[in-house]
C-alpha atoms as a PDB file:
ATOM      1  CA  UNK A   1     -14.669  13.292 -19.833  1.00  0.00           C
ATOM      2  CA  UNK A   2     -11.474  11.799 -21.258  1.00  0.00           C
ATOM      3  CA  UNK A   3      -9.251  14.093 -19.151  1.00  0.00           C
ATOM      4  CA  UNK A   4     -11.140  13.136 -15.995  1.00  0.00           C
ATOM      5  CA  UNK A   5     -10.764   9.409 -16.731  1.00  0.00           C
ATOM      6  CA  UNK A   6      -7.078   9.900 -17.567  1.00  0.00           C
ATOM      7  CA  UNK A   7      -6.431  11.701 -14.280  1.00  0.00           C
ATOM      8  CA  UNK A   8      -8.293   9.045 -12.343  1.00  0.00           C
ATOM      9  CA  UNK A   9      -6.376   6.223 -14.032  1.00  0.00           C
ATOM     10  CA  UNK A  10      -3.073   8.118 -13.665  1.00  0.00           C
ATOM     11  CA  UNK A  11      -3.747   8.642  -9.968  1.00  0.00           C
ATOM     12  CA  UNK A  12      -4.561   4.981  -9.424  1.00  0.00           C
ATOM     13  CA  UNK A  13      -1.461   3.852 -11.309  1.00  0.00           C
ATOM     14  CA  UNK A  14       0.657   6.265  -9.287  1.00  0.00           C
ATOM     15  CA  UNK A  15      -0.714   4.914  -6.007  1.00  0.00           C
ATOM     16  CA  UNK A  16      -0.089   1.336  -7.115  1.00  0.00           C
ATOM     17  CA  UNK A  17       3.509   2.193  -8.044  1.00  0.00           C
ATOM     18  CA  UNK A  18       4.080   3.854  -4.668  1.00  0.00           C
ATOM     19  CA  UNK A  19       2.629   0.848  -2.848  1.00  0.00           C
ATOM     20  CA  UNK A  20       4.985  -1.467  -4.735  1.00  0.00           C
ATOM     21  CA  UNK A  21       8.049   0.628  -3.869  1.00  0.00           C
ATOM     22  CA  UNK A  22       7.372   1.608  -0.252  1.00  0.00           C
ATOM     23  CA  UNK A  23       7.036  -0.402   2.926  1.00  0.00           C
ATOM     24  CA  UNK A  24       3.492   0.317   4.104  1.00  0.00           C
ATOM     25  CA  UNK A  25       1.637  -0.833   7.210  1.00  0.00           C
ATOM     26  CA  UNK A  26      -1.715   0.088   8.725  1.00  0.00           C
ATOM     27  CA  UNK A  27      -2.158   0.093  12.493  1.00  0.00           C
ATOM     28  CA  UNK A  28      -5.182   0.098  14.768  1.00  0.00           C
ATOM     29  CA  UNK A  29      -5.549   2.634  17.583  1.00  0.00           C
ATOM     30  CA  UNK A  30      -3.673   0.334  19.957  1.00  0.00           C
ATOM     31  CA  UNK A  31      -0.645   0.134  17.650  1.00  0.00           C
ATOM     32  CA  UNK A  32      -1.296  -3.383  16.356  1.00  0.00           C
ATOM     33  CA  UNK A  33      -0.622  -4.029  12.680  1.00  0.00           C
ATOM     34  CA  UNK A  34      -3.879  -4.703  10.853  1.00  0.00           C
ATOM     35  CA  UNK A  35      -2.456  -4.795   7.320  1.00  0.00           C
ATOM     36  CA  UNK A  36       0.942  -4.530   5.646  1.00  0.00           C
ATOM     37  CA  UNK A  37       2.357  -4.902   2.181  1.00  0.00           C
ATOM     38  CA  UNK A  38       5.060  -7.424   1.296  1.00  0.00           C
ATOM     39  CA  UNK A  39       7.807  -4.769   1.377  1.00  0.00           C
ATOM     40  CA  UNK A  40       7.015  -3.985   5.012  1.00  0.00           C
ATOM     41  CA  UNK A  41       6.791  -7.664   5.934  1.00  0.00           C
ATOM     42  CA  UNK A  42      10.139  -8.439   4.293  1.00  0.00           C
ATOM     43  CA  UNK A  43      11.824  -5.403   5.842  1.00  0.00           C
ATOM     44  CA  UNK A  44      10.664  -6.316   9.337  1.00  0.00           C
ATOM     45  CA  UNK A  45      11.175 -10.073   8.909  1.00  0.00           C
ATOM     46  CA  UNK A  46       7.440 -10.767   9.365  1.00  0.00           C
ATOM     47  CA  UNK A  47       5.205 -13.246   7.574  1.00  0.00           C
ATOM     48  CA  UNK A  48       1.584 -12.548   6.697  1.00  0.00           C
ATOM     49  CA  UNK A  49      -0.892 -14.454   8.869  1.00  0.00           C
ATOM     50  CA  UNK A  50      -4.264 -15.401   7.421  1.00  0.00           C
END
């Protein structure tokens, strides 16, 4: 049980670290941005709209 929880937590921490380091955006099927992290927004010169 402990090993399973450790792997799950390690995987989540790894994904969070990757998301903080990479520029990530999600697009719909028409190519419109539906979500993006701050790295992507800063890189592209965009601001998040609410």
